[in-house]
Amino acid sequence: MSGARVAFVAGATGYAGRHVVTALRTAHVETVAHVRPGSRAVGEWRARFEALGARVDSTDWTAEAMRMTLGALRPDHVFALLGTTRARAGREGLDAPYEAIDYGLTALLLTAAIAAGNAPRFTYLSALGANAGARNPYLAVRGRLEQELRASALPFVIARPAFITGGDRDEFRPGERMASVVLDGVLGTLGALGARGLRDRYASLTGGELARGLVATALADRTGRVEVDAAAVRAAAARWTADHPAASRSAAAP
């Protein structure tokens, strides 16, 4: 690829990932969107991402294959936006989905990024409450990955939003959607009463808002190591929107 900034997006077909690809291309970053090898929709995703000017990669999820891909690309940024749900895991026959996908594939990607040799900034979408000692397996595996990322020599962004929701989400999650609506209503009331910090930290983010915040934070400092909550992501997204007003009015995830 050329001498411009290069970003590799793992989890590009997910709700956050597709918005991240859009935001990166709006910022004129050369973008490689990873689509799971063997996906029945790979042709559709290729068309959608290439229409944005992104390149599609379908490297196998093996340590050697991913190491070779990132070693050849030498990206400036790696976005780790991988995750699954229990419902999806059940359809795919996974017994320990968070261990296999949320942790396993992200850890593999981290190892490959380290091996790339040019210290790409690793942007990791974690979650509010992530803790390696948590009883909740979703939060526990994300806490473990955070520990491994901090122990590495890579620059990084660790983002911990609360709920990520929006009407443009393909996978309908009624429980999560209802919880976010209720929580946002309570937080809105608290914010009106003066608890703006609490509201901004815990209020839900849309996929587009999350993506703009992640991209703005990642691109702002190639070598920094930062950890941000929903409030910081929201503030970064607002700065991104101010810097790209025309794109922000018309942008939509592919």
C-alpha atoms as a PDB file:
ATOM      1  CA  MET A   1       0.000   0.000   0.000  1.00  0.00           C
ATOM      2  CA  SER A   2       1.116   3.653  -0.335  1.00  0.00           C
ATOM      3  CA  GLY A   3       2.822   5.828   2.245  1.00  0.00           C
ATOM      4  CA  ALA A   4      -0.500   7.033   3.687  1.00  0.00           C
ATOM      5  CA  ARG A   5      -1.743   5.877   7.071  1.00  0.00           C
ATOM      6  CA  VAL A   6      -3.010   2.301   6.988  1.00  0.00           C
ATOM      7  CA  ALA A   7      -5.583   0.725   9.305  1.00  0.00           C
ATOM      8  CA  PHE A   8      -6.555  -2.933   9.655  1.00  0.00           C
ATOM      9  CA  VAL A   9     -10.073  -3.480  11.005  1.00  0.00           C
ATOM     10  CA  ALA A  10     -10.881  -6.860  12.563  1.00  0.00           C
ATOM     11  CA  GLY A  11     -14.590  -7.323  13.138  1.00  0.00           C
ATOM     12  CA  ALA A  12     -15.332  -5.012  10.207  1.00  0.00           C
ATOM     13  CA  THR A  13     -18.710  -6.589   9.457  1.00  0.00           C
ATOM     14  CA  GLY A  14     -20.029  -6.032  12.980  1.00  0.00           C
ATOM     15  CA  TYR A  15     -22.161  -3.103  14.056  1.00  0.00           C
ATOM     16  CA  ALA A  16     -19.228  -1.021  15.319  1.00  0.00           C
ATOM     17  CA  GLY A  17     -16.823  -2.307  12.683  1.00  0.00           C
ATOM     18  CA  ARG A  18     -18.743  -1.202   9.611  1.00  0.00           C
ATOM     19  CA  HIS A  19     -19.053   2.296  11.089  1.00  0.00           C
ATOM     20  CA  VAL A  20     -15.328   2.342  11.882  1.00  0.00           C
ATOM     21  CA  VAL A  21     -14.514   1.508   8.248  1.00  0.00           C
ATOM     22  CA  THR A  22     -16.735   4.394   7.140  1.00  0.00           C
ATOM     23  CA  ALA A  23     -15.108   6.834   9.572  1.00  0.00           C
ATOM     24  CA  LEU A  24     -11.590   5.779   8.588  1.00  0.00           C
ATOM     25  CA  ARG A  25     -12.307   6.260   4.903  1.00  0.00           C
ATOM     26  CA  THR A  26     -13.860   9.643   5.604  1.00  0.00           C
ATOM     27  CA  ALA A  27     -10.573  10.549   7.302  1.00  0.00           C
ATOM     28  CA  HIS A  28      -8.713   9.331   4.159  1.00  0.00           C
ATOM     29  CA  VAL A  29      -7.026   6.460   5.965  1.00  0.00           C
ATOM     30  CA  GLU A  30      -6.161   3.480   3.769  1.00  0.00           C
ATOM     31  CA  THR A  31      -8.362   0.797   5.269  1.00  0.00           C
ATOM     32  CA  VAL A  32      -8.229  -2.983   5.160  1.00  0.00           C
ATOM     33  CA  ALA A  33     -11.520  -4.482   6.336  1.00  0.00           C
ATOM     34  CA  HIS A  34     -11.225  -8.061   7.514  1.00  0.00           C
ATOM     35  CA  VAL A  35     -14.139 -10.320   6.578  1.00  0.00           C
ATOM     36  CA  ARG A  36     -14.274 -13.771   8.119  1.00  0.00           C
ATOM     37  CA  PRO A  37     -12.971 -16.370   5.660  1.00  0.00           C
ATOM     38  CA  GLY A  38     -15.727 -18.645   4.450  1.00  0.00           C
ATOM     39  CA  SER A  39     -18.438 -16.075   5.143  1.00  0.00           C
ATOM     40  CA  ARG A  40     -21.389 -16.615   2.844  1.00  0.00           C
ATOM     41  CA  ALA A  41     -21.713 -12.831   2.551  1.00  0.00           C
ATOM     42  CA  VAL A  42     -18.080 -12.125   1.627  1.00  0.00           C
ATOM     43  CA  GLY A  43     -19.066 -10.976  -1.881  1.00  0.00           C
ATOM     44  CA  GLU A  44     -21.661  -8.588  -0.499  1.00  0.00           C
ATOM     45  CA  TRP A  45     -19.241  -7.167   2.062  1.00  0.00           C
ATOM     46  CA  ARG A  46     -16.530  -6.793  -0.565  1.00  0.00           C
ATOM     47  CA  ALA A  47     -18.860  -4.702  -2.718  1.00  0.00           C
ATOM     48  CA  ARG A  48     -20.007  -2.587   0.218  1.00  0.00           C
ATOM     49  CA  PHE A  49     -16.529  -1.873   1.569  1.00  0.00           C
ATOM     50  CA  GLU A  50     -14.891  -1.362  -1.814  1.00  0.00           C
ATOM     51  CA  ALA A  51     -17.582   1.217  -2.616  1.00  0.00           C
ATOM     52  CA  LEU A  52     -16.094   3.193   0.287  1.00  0.00           C
ATOM     53  CA  GLY A  53     -12.581   2.773  -1.076  1.00  0.00           C
ATOM     54  CA  ALA A  54     -11.586   0.151   1.508  1.00  0.00           C
ATOM     55  CA  ARG A  55      -9.827  -3.090   0.711  1.00  0.00           C
ATOM     56  CA  VAL A  56     -11.222  -6.435   1.900  1.00  0.00           C
ATOM     57  CA  ASP A  57      -9.018  -9.102   3.476  1.00  0.00           C
ATOM     58  CA  SER A  58     -10.070 -12.646   4.391  1.00  0.00           C
ATOM     59  CA  THR A  59      -6.993 -13.961   6.153  1.00  0.00           C
ATOM     60  CA  ASP A  60      -7.597 -17.192   8.062  1.00  0.00           C
ATOM     61  CA  TRP A  61      -7.845 -16.921  11.834  1.00  0.00           C
ATOM     62  CA  THR A  62      -4.588 -18.735  12.507  1.00  0.00           C
ATOM     63  CA  ALA A  63      -1.571 -17.263  14.264  1.00  0.00           C
ATOM     64  CA  GLU A  64       0.775 -17.745  11.315  1.00  0.00           C
ATOM     65  CA  ALA A  65      -1.620 -16.442   8.668  1.00  0.00           C
ATOM     66  CA  MET A  66      -2.516 -13.320  10.632  1.00  0.00           C
ATOM     67  CA  ARG A  67       1.140 -12.701  11.513  1.00  0.00           C
ATOM     68  CA  MET A  68       2.067 -12.827   7.832  1.00  0.00           C
ATOM     69  CA  THR A  69      -0.778 -10.502   6.833  1.00  0.00           C
ATOM     70  CA  LEU A  70       0.029  -7.829   9.395  1.00  0.00           C
ATOM     71  CA  GLY A  71       3.730  -8.260   8.764  1.00  0.00           C
ATOM     72  CA  ALA A  72       3.167  -7.510   5.085  1.00  0.00           C
ATOM     73  CA  LEU A  73       0.724  -4.651   5.664  1.00  0.00           C
ATOM     74  CA  ARG A  74       2.641  -3.048   8.556  1.00  0.00           C
ATOM     75  CA  PRO A  75      -0.471  -1.030   9.475  1.00  0.00           C
ATOM     76  CA  ASP A  76      -0.263   2.108  11.566  1.00  0.00           C
ATOM     77  CA  HIS A  77      -3.478   1.141  13.324  1.00  0.00           C
ATOM     78  CA  VAL A  78      -5.169  -2.137  14.214  1.00  0.00           C
ATOM     79  CA  PHE A  79      -8.795  -2.003  15.360  1.00  0.00           C
ATOM     80  CA  ALA A  80      -9.917  -5.009  17.416  1.00  0.00           C
ATOM     81  CA  LEU A  81     -13.727  -4.956  17.333  1.00  0.00           C
ATOM     82  CA  LEU A  82     -14.391  -8.670  17.727  1.00  0.00           C
ATOM     83  CA  GLY A  83     -17.209 -10.164  19.713  1.00  0.00           C
ATOM     84  CA  THR A  84     -20.144 -12.525  19.666  1.00  0.00           C
ATOM     85  CA  THR A  85     -23.382 -13.202  21.522  1.00  0.00           C
ATOM     86  CA  ARG A  86     -24.682 -16.351  23.179  1.00  0.00           C
ATOM     87  CA  ALA A  87     -27.463 -16.602  20.603  1.00  0.00           C
ATOM     88  CA  ARG A  88     -25.055 -16.386  17.676  1.00  0.00           C
ATOM     89  CA  ALA A  89     -22.640 -18.778  19.365  1.00  0.00           C
ATOM     90  CA  GLY A  90     -25.447 -21.282  19.806  1.00  0.00           C
ATOM     91  CA  ARG A  91     -26.217 -21.152  16.107  1.00  0.00           C
ATOM     92  CA  GLU A  92     -22.528 -21.757  15.343  1.00  0.00           C
ATOM     93  CA  GLY A  93     -22.089 -24.516  17.929  1.00  0.00           C
ATOM     94  CA  LEU A  94     -19.571 -22.735  20.176  1.00  0.00           C
ATOM     95  CA  ASP A  95     -19.490 -23.951  23.781  1.00  0.00           C
ATOM     96  CA  ALA A  96     -17.413 -21.072  25.219  1.00  0.00           C
ATOM     97  CA  PRO A  97     -18.036 -18.175  22.817  1.00  0.00           C
ATOM     98  CA  TYR A  98     -16.448 -15.401  24.853  1.00  0.00           C
ATOM     99  CA  GLU A  99     -13.297 -17.438  25.396  1.00  0.00           C
ATOM    100  CA  ALA A 100     -13.073 -18.474  21.743  1.00  0.00           C
ATOM    101  CA  ILE A 101     -14.052 -15.231  20.000  1.00  0.00           C
ATOM    102  CA  ASP A 102     -13.936 -12.228  22.310  1.00  0.00           C
ATOM    103  CA  TYR A 103     -10.682 -13.329  23.915  1.00  0.00           C
ATOM    104  CA  GLY A 104      -9.143 -15.968  21.635  1.00  0.00           C
ATOM    105  CA  LEU A 105      -9.282 -14.158  18.313  1.00  0.00           C
ATOM    106  CA  THR A 106      -8.409 -10.795  19.839  1.00  0.00           C
ATOM    107  CA  ALA A 107      -5.388 -12.295  21.612  1.00  0.00           C
ATOM    108  CA  LEU A 108      -4.306 -13.858  18.317  1.00  0.00           C
ATOM    109  CA  LEU A 109      -4.651 -10.469  16.618  1.00  0.00           C
ATOM    110  CA  LEU A 110      -2.650  -8.780  19.383  1.00  0.00           C
ATOM    111  CA  THR A 111       0.168 -11.297  18.993  1.00  0.00           C
ATOM    112  CA  ALA A 112       0.204 -10.716  15.228  1.00  0.00           C
ATOM    113  CA  ALA A 113       0.255  -6.934  15.716  1.00  0.00           C
ATOM    114  CA  ILE A 114       3.256  -7.240  18.031  1.00  0.00           C
ATOM    115  CA  ALA A 115       5.008  -9.465  15.500  1.00  0.00           C
ATOM    116  CA  ALA A 116       4.370  -6.951  12.685  1.00  0.00           C
ATOM    117  CA  GLY A 117       7.445  -5.117  13.958  1.00  0.00           C
ATOM    118  CA  ASN A 118       6.299  -1.513  13.508  1.00  0.00           C
ATOM    119  CA  ALA A 119       4.279  -1.137  16.737  1.00  0.00           C
ATOM    120  CA  PRO A 120       0.843  -0.311  15.303  1.00  0.00           C
ATOM    121  CA  ARG A 121      -1.542   1.444  17.653  1.00  0.00           C
ATOM    122  CA  PHE A 122      -3.989  -1.205  18.868  1.00  0.00           C
ATOM    123  CA  THR A 123      -7.521   0.087  19.439  1.00  0.00           C
ATOM    124  CA  TYR A 124      -9.479  -2.379  21.534  1.00  0.00           C
ATOM    125  CA  LEU A 125     -13.230  -2.209  22.035  1.00  0.00           C
ATOM    126  CA  SER A 126     -13.633  -3.474  25.588  1.00  0.00           C
ATOM    127  CA  ALA A 127     -16.627  -2.913  27.862  1.00  0.00           C
ATOM    128  CA  LEU A 128     -17.599  -0.996  30.967  1.00  0.00           C
ATOM    129  CA  GLY A 129     -16.811  -3.182  33.964  1.00  0.00           C
ATOM    130  CA  ALA A 130     -14.166  -5.320  32.218  1.00  0.00           C
ATOM    131  CA  ASN A 131     -12.138  -7.095  34.885  1.00  0.00           C
ATOM    132  CA  ALA A 132     -10.126 -10.294  34.687  1.00  0.00           C
ATOM    133  CA  GLY A 133     -11.536 -11.338  38.059  1.00  0.00           C
ATOM    134  CA  ALA A 134     -15.181 -10.757  37.154  1.00  0.00           C
ATOM    135  CA  ARG A 135     -17.668 -13.606  37.483  1.00  0.00           C
ATOM    136  CA  ASN A 136     -19.336 -12.517  34.278  1.00  0.00           C
ATOM    137  CA  PRO A 137     -17.407 -14.369  31.517  1.00  0.00           C
ATOM    138  CA  TYR A 138     -17.911 -11.549  29.011  1.00  0.00           C
ATOM    139  CA  LEU A 139     -16.316  -8.995  31.322  1.00  0.00           C
ATOM    140  CA  ALA A 140     -13.647 -11.438  32.527  1.00  0.00           C
ATOM    141  CA  VAL A 141     -12.216 -12.226  29.094  1.00  0.00           C
ATOM    142  CA  ARG A 142     -12.136  -8.556  28.166  1.00  0.00           C
ATOM    143  CA  GLY A 143     -10.338  -7.775  31.387  1.00  0.00           C
ATOM    144  CA  ARG A 144      -7.740 -10.438  30.591  1.00  0.00           C
ATOM    145  CA  LEU A 145      -7.154  -9.003  27.142  1.00  0.00           C
ATOM    146  CA  GLU A 146      -6.768  -5.507  28.602  1.00  0.00           C
ATOM    147  CA  GLN A 147      -4.045  -6.839  30.913  1.00  0.00           C
ATOM    148  CA  GLU A 148      -2.185  -8.422  28.008  1.00  0.00           C
ATOM    149  CA  LEU A 149      -2.426  -5.248  25.945  1.00  0.00           C
ATOM    150  CA  ARG A 150      -1.048  -3.131  28.792  1.00  0.00           C
ATOM    151  CA  ALA A 151       1.797  -5.621  29.250  1.00  0.00           C
ATOM    152  CA  SER A 152       2.740  -5.335  25.579  1.00  0.00           C
ATOM    153  CA  ALA A 153       4.934  -2.580  24.184  1.00  0.00           C
ATOM    154  CA  LEU A 154       2.245  -1.427  21.747  1.00  0.00           C
ATOM    155  CA  PRO A 155       0.602   1.983  21.868  1.00  0.00           C
ATOM    156  CA  PHE A 156      -3.105   1.493  22.434  1.00  0.00           C
ATOM    157  CA  VAL A 157      -6.609   2.789  22.935  1.00  0.00           C
ATOM    158  CA  ILE A 158      -8.845   0.816  25.304  1.00  0.00           C
ATOM    159  CA  ALA A 159     -12.456   1.938  25.042  1.00  0.00           C
ATOM    160  CA  ARG A 160     -15.066   0.922  27.631  1.00  0.00           C
ATOM    161  CA  PRO A 161     -18.555   2.002  26.562  1.00  0.00           C
ATOM    162  CA  ALA A 162     -21.695   0.862  28.342  1.00  0.00           C
ATOM    163  CA  PHE A 163     -24.463   0.051  25.831  1.00  0.00           C
ATOM    164  CA  ILE A 164     -23.962   0.258  22.064  1.00  0.00           C
ATOM    165  CA  THR A 165     -27.271   0.497  20.312  1.00  0.00           C
ATOM    166  CA  GLY A 166     -29.075   2.044  17.376  1.00  0.00           C
ATOM    167  CA  GLY A 167     -31.870   1.590  14.882  1.00  0.00           C
ATOM    168  CA  ASP A 168     -29.410   0.592  12.141  1.00  0.00           C
ATOM    169  CA  ARG A 169     -28.245  -2.530  13.963  1.00  0.00           C
ATOM    170  CA  ASP A 170     -28.793  -5.692  11.910  1.00  0.00           C
ATOM    171  CA  GLU A 171     -29.099  -8.043  14.866  1.00  0.00           C
ATOM    172  CA  PHE A 172     -32.162  -7.209  16.957  1.00  0.00           C
ATOM    173  CA  ARG A 173     -31.420  -7.386  20.680  1.00  0.00           C
ATOM    174  CA  PRO A 174     -34.696  -6.508  22.420  1.00  0.00           C
ATOM    175  CA  GLY A 175     -33.384  -6.966  25.975  1.00  0.00           C
ATOM    176  CA  GLU A 176     -30.341  -4.796  25.406  1.00  0.00           C
ATOM    177  CA  ARG A 177     -32.371  -2.219  23.503  1.00  0.00           C
ATOM    178  CA  MET A 178     -34.961  -1.963  26.259  1.00  0.00           C
ATOM    179  CA  ALA A 179     -32.302  -1.726  28.968  1.00  0.00           C
ATOM    180  CA  SER A 180     -30.503   1.052  27.109  1.00  0.00           C
ATOM    181  CA  VAL A 181     -33.726   3.023  26.607  1.00  0.00           C
ATOM    182  CA  VAL A 182     -34.612   2.761  30.293  1.00  0.00           C
ATOM    183  CA  LEU A 183     -31.073   3.606  31.418  1.00  0.00           C
ATOM    184  CA  ASP A 184     -30.788   6.546  29.025  1.00  0.00           C
ATOM    185  CA  GLY A 185     -34.091   7.902  30.330  1.00  0.00           C
ATOM    186  CA  VAL A 186     -32.904   7.719  33.931  1.00  0.00           C
ATOM    187  CA  LEU A 187     -29.532   9.214  33.043  1.00  0.00           C
ATOM    188  CA  GLY A 188     -31.192  11.993  31.077  1.00  0.00           C
ATOM    189  CA  THR A 189     -33.185  12.942  34.159  1.00  0.00           C
ATOM    190  CA  LEU A 190     -30.075  12.820  36.334  1.00  0.00           C
ATOM    191  CA  GLY A 191     -28.208  14.942  33.807  1.00  0.00           C
ATOM    192  CA  ALA A 192     -30.964  17.549  33.883  1.00  0.00           C
ATOM    193  CA  LEU A 193     -30.592  17.614  37.656  1.00  0.00           C
ATOM    194  CA  GLY A 194     -26.880  18.275  37.382  1.00  0.00           C
ATOM    195  CA  ALA A 195     -25.289  14.827  37.223  1.00  0.00           C
ATOM    196  CA  ARG A 196     -23.922  15.356  33.732  1.00  0.00           C
ATOM    197  CA  GLY A 197     -20.727  13.404  34.354  1.00  0.00           C
ATOM    198  CA  LEU A 198     -22.680  10.329  35.418  1.00  0.00           C
ATOM    199  CA  ARG A 199     -24.994  10.650  32.423  1.00  0.00           C
ATOM    200  CA  ASP A 200     -22.144  10.986  29.935  1.00  0.00           C
ATOM    201  CA  ARG A 201     -20.199   8.045  31.352  1.00  0.00           C
ATOM    202  CA  TYR A 202     -23.045   5.525  31.318  1.00  0.00           C
ATOM    203  CA  ALA A 203     -25.363   6.663  28.496  1.00  0.00           C
ATOM    204  CA  SER A 204     -25.510   4.463  25.395  1.00  0.00           C
ATOM    205  CA  LEU A 205     -23.659   5.216  22.165  1.00  0.00           C
ATOM    206  CA  THR A 206     -24.835   4.581  18.625  1.00  0.00           C
ATOM    207  CA  GLY A 207     -22.565   2.617  16.308  1.00  0.00           C
ATOM    208  CA  GLY A 208     -21.714   5.745  14.352  1.00  0.00           C
ATOM    209  CA  GLU A 209     -20.962   7.795  17.442  1.00  0.00           C
ATOM    210  CA  LEU A 210     -18.780   5.033  18.876  1.00  0.00           C
ATOM    211  CA  ALA A 211     -16.875   4.637  15.595  1.00  0.00           C
ATOM    212  CA  ARG A 212     -16.215   8.343  15.166  1.00  0.00           C
ATOM    213  CA  GLY A 213     -14.973   8.544  18.748  1.00  0.00           C
ATOM    214  CA  LEU A 214     -12.704   5.519  18.358  1.00  0.00           C
ATOM    215  CA  VAL A 215     -11.228   6.760  15.096  1.00  0.00           C
ATOM    216  CA  ALA A 216     -10.725  10.304  16.380  1.00  0.00           C
ATOM    217  CA  THR A 217      -8.996   9.007  19.513  1.00  0.00           C
ATOM    218  CA  ALA A 218      -6.817   6.522  17.627  1.00  0.00           C
ATOM    219  CA  LEU A 219      -5.682   8.980  14.971  1.00  0.00           C
ATOM    220  CA  ALA A 220      -5.003  11.817  17.404  1.00  0.00           C
ATOM    221  CA  ASP A 221      -1.823  10.230  18.761  1.00  0.00           C
ATOM    222  CA  ARG A 222       0.000   7.429  16.957  1.00  0.00           C
ATOM    223  CA  THR A 223       2.118   6.468  19.990  1.00  0.00           C
ATOM    224  CA  GLY A 224      -0.117   7.132  22.996  1.00  0.00           C
ATOM    225  CA  ARG A 225      -1.548   4.636  25.468  1.00  0.00           C
ATOM    226  CA  VAL A 226      -4.986   5.756  26.662  1.00  0.00           C
ATOM    227  CA  GLU A 227      -8.094   4.264  28.250  1.00  0.00           C
ATOM    228  CA  VAL A 228     -11.412   5.976  27.605  1.00  0.00           C
ATOM    229  CA  ASP A 229     -14.994   5.624  28.794  1.00  0.00           C
ATOM    230  CA  ALA A 230     -18.213   6.525  26.992  1.00  0.00           C
ATOM    231  CA  ALA A 231     -17.922  10.192  27.965  1.00  0.00           C
ATOM    232  CA  ALA A 232     -14.467  10.500  26.392  1.00  0.00           C
ATOM    233  CA  VAL A 233     -15.595   8.598  23.291  1.00  0.00           C
ATOM    234  CA  ARG A 234     -18.610  10.888  22.944  1.00  0.00           C
ATOM    235  CA  ALA A 235     -16.431  13.985  23.261  1.00  0.00           C
ATOM    236  CA  ALA A 236     -13.998  12.648  20.647  1.00  0.00           C
ATOM    237  CA  ALA A 237     -16.912  11.869  18.322  1.00  0.00           C
ATOM    238  CA  ALA A 238     -18.113  15.462  18.668  1.00  0.00           C
ATOM    239  CA  ARG A 239     -14.651  16.722  17.690  1.00  0.00           C
ATOM    240  CA  TRP A 240     -14.606  14.351  14.716  1.00  0.00           C
ATOM    241  CA  THR A 241     -18.006  15.638  13.615  1.00  0.00           C
ATOM    242  CA  ALA A 242     -16.823  19.239  13.862  1.00  0.00           C
ATOM    243  CA  ASP A 243     -13.804  18.379  11.699  1.00  0.00           C
ATOM    244  CA  HIS A 244     -15.894  16.519   9.088  1.00  0.00           C
ATOM    245  CA  PRO A 245     -19.239  18.382   8.972  1.00  0.00           C
ATOM    246  CA  ALA A 246     -20.250  17.434   5.425  1.00  0.00           C
ATOM    247  CA  ALA A 247     -19.353  13.775   5.909  1.00  0.00           C
ATOM    248  CA  SER A 248     -21.134  13.650   9.268  1.00  0.00           C
ATOM    249  CA  ARG A 249     -24.390  14.815   7.727  1.00  0.00           C
ATOM    250  CA  SER A 250     -24.336  12.207   4.990  1.00  0.00           C
ATOM    251  CA  ALA A 251     -22.289   9.320   6.379  1.00  0.00           C
ATOM    252  CA  ALA A 252     -23.951   5.960   6.927  1.00  0.00           C
ATOM    253  CA  ALA A 253     -22.449   2.567   7.605  1.00  0.00           C
ATOM    254  CA  PRO A 254     -22.290   0.312   4.544  1.00  0.00           C
END
